[in-house]
Amino acid sequence: MFGSGNKIKIDKDLLERIKKIAELAGYASHEEFIQHVLEREVAQFEGDQSDEDITKKLKGLGYIS
């Protein structure tokens, strides 16, 4: 999954929390859990019609101001 040379830096403490949650939730690995979460988040924006729609949504979520 992440072995194709793609790398993402994740805070050590956050990664430990992710590993625990992934195990408790029954995921095969923490990588599988991370991919599932990212796919779900990305899907929220894929239906938007314009960059303006995406920007509004990101502002509403507090990611940008």
C-alpha atoms as a PDB file:
ATOM      1  CA  MET A   1       0.000   0.000   0.000  1.00  0.00           C
ATOM      2  CA  PHE A   2       2.612   2.549   1.060  1.00  0.00           C
ATOM      3  CA  GLY A   3       5.536   0.479  -0.216  1.00  0.00           C
ATOM      4  CA  SER A   4       5.628   2.006  -3.695  1.00  0.00           C
ATOM      5  CA  GLY A   5       7.967   4.801  -2.649  1.00  0.00           C
ATOM      6  CA  ASN A   6       5.216   7.147  -1.469  1.00  0.00           C
ATOM      7  CA  LYS A   7       5.960   8.452   1.986  1.00  0.00           C
ATOM      8  CA  ILE A   8       3.905  10.474   4.396  1.00  0.00           C
ATOM      9  CA  LYS A   9       5.309  11.810   7.647  1.00  0.00           C
ATOM     10  CA  ILE A  10       3.050  11.283  10.639  1.00  0.00           C
ATOM     11  CA  ASP A  11       3.758  12.426  14.173  1.00  0.00           C
ATOM     12  CA  LYS A  12       5.046   9.512  16.274  1.00  0.00           C
ATOM     13  CA  ASP A  13       2.345   9.873  18.940  1.00  0.00           C
ATOM     14  CA  LEU A  14      -0.406  10.082  16.326  1.00  0.00           C
ATOM     15  CA  LEU A  15       0.929   6.980  14.584  1.00  0.00           C
ATOM     16  CA  GLU A  16       0.802   5.029  17.835  1.00  0.00           C
ATOM     17  CA  ARG A  17      -2.817   6.099  18.343  1.00  0.00           C
ATOM     18  CA  ILE A  18      -3.629   5.108  14.750  1.00  0.00           C
ATOM     19  CA  LYS A  19      -2.063   1.665  15.253  1.00  0.00           C
ATOM     20  CA  LYS A  20      -4.147   1.053  18.382  1.00  0.00           C
ATOM     21  CA  ILE A  21      -7.381   2.189  16.738  1.00  0.00           C
ATOM     22  CA  ALA A  22      -6.709   0.173  13.581  1.00  0.00           C
ATOM     23  CA  GLU A  23      -6.160  -2.968  15.635  1.00  0.00           C
ATOM     24  CA  LEU A  24      -9.275  -2.420  17.759  1.00  0.00           C
ATOM     25  CA  ALA A  25     -11.362  -1.699  14.662  1.00  0.00           C
ATOM     26  CA  GLY A  26     -10.231  -4.912  13.003  1.00  0.00           C
ATOM     27  CA  TYR A  27      -8.146  -3.517  10.165  1.00  0.00           C
ATOM     28  CA  ALA A  28      -5.425  -5.777   8.760  1.00  0.00           C
ATOM     29  CA  SER A  29      -2.869  -3.003   9.282  1.00  0.00           C
ATOM     30  CA  HIS A  30      -2.586   0.610  10.266  1.00  0.00           C
ATOM     31  CA  GLU A  31      -1.814   1.405   6.612  1.00  0.00           C
ATOM     32  CA  GLU A  32      -5.181  -0.046   5.612  1.00  0.00           C
ATOM     33  CA  PHE A  33      -6.894   2.109   8.236  1.00  0.00           C
ATOM     34  CA  ILE A  34      -5.063   5.257   7.074  1.00  0.00           C
ATOM     35  CA  GLN A  35      -6.007   4.589   3.453  1.00  0.00           C
ATOM     36  CA  HIS A  36      -9.666   4.051   4.405  1.00  0.00           C
ATOM     37  CA  VAL A  37      -9.807   7.313   6.355  1.00  0.00           C
ATOM     38  CA  LEU A  38      -8.121   9.272   3.558  1.00  0.00           C
ATOM     39  CA  GLU A  39     -10.387   7.773   0.881  1.00  0.00           C
ATOM     40  CA  ARG A  40     -13.448   8.724   2.920  1.00  0.00           C
ATOM     41  CA  GLU A  41     -12.227  12.294   3.362  1.00  0.00           C
ATOM     42  CA  VAL A  42     -11.267  12.717  -0.297  1.00  0.00           C
ATOM     43  CA  ALA A  43     -14.667  11.388  -1.400  1.00  0.00           C
ATOM     44  CA  GLN A  44     -16.325  14.314   0.388  1.00  0.00           C
ATOM     45  CA  PHE A  45     -14.664  16.720  -2.054  1.00  0.00           C
ATOM     46  CA  GLU A  46     -14.855  14.767  -5.300  1.00  0.00           C
ATOM     47  CA  GLY A  47     -18.470  15.722  -6.002  1.00  0.00           C
ATOM     48  CA  ASP A  48     -17.786  19.436  -5.757  1.00  0.00           C
ATOM     49  CA  GLN A  49     -18.085  21.392  -8.997  1.00  0.00           C
ATOM     50  CA  SER A  50     -15.355  23.986  -8.581  1.00  0.00           C
ATOM     51  CA  ASP A  51     -12.307  25.010  -6.623  1.00  0.00           C
ATOM     52  CA  GLU A  52     -14.527  27.593  -4.928  1.00  0.00           C
ATOM     53  CA  ASP A  53     -16.826  24.829  -3.623  1.00  0.00           C
ATOM     54  CA  ILE A  54     -13.833  22.942  -2.245  1.00  0.00           C
ATOM     55  CA  THR A  55     -12.424  26.105  -0.658  1.00  0.00           C
ATOM     56  CA  LYS A  56     -15.756  26.839   1.052  1.00  0.00           C
ATOM     57  CA  LYS A  57     -15.922  23.302   2.387  1.00  0.00           C
ATOM     58  CA  LEU A  58     -12.347  23.442   3.703  1.00  0.00           C
ATOM     59  CA  LYS A  59     -13.076  26.788   5.376  1.00  0.00           C
ATOM     60  CA  GLY A  60     -16.199  25.318   6.960  1.00  0.00           C
ATOM     61  CA  LEU A  61     -14.146  22.444   8.340  1.00  0.00           C
ATOM     62  CA  GLY A  62     -11.558  24.862   9.726  1.00  0.00           C
ATOM     63  CA  TYR A  63      -8.672  23.625   7.560  1.00  0.00           C
ATOM     64  CA  ILE A  64      -8.148  27.042   5.976  1.00  0.00           C
ATOM     65  CA  SER A  65      -9.159  30.561   6.945  1.00  0.00           C
END
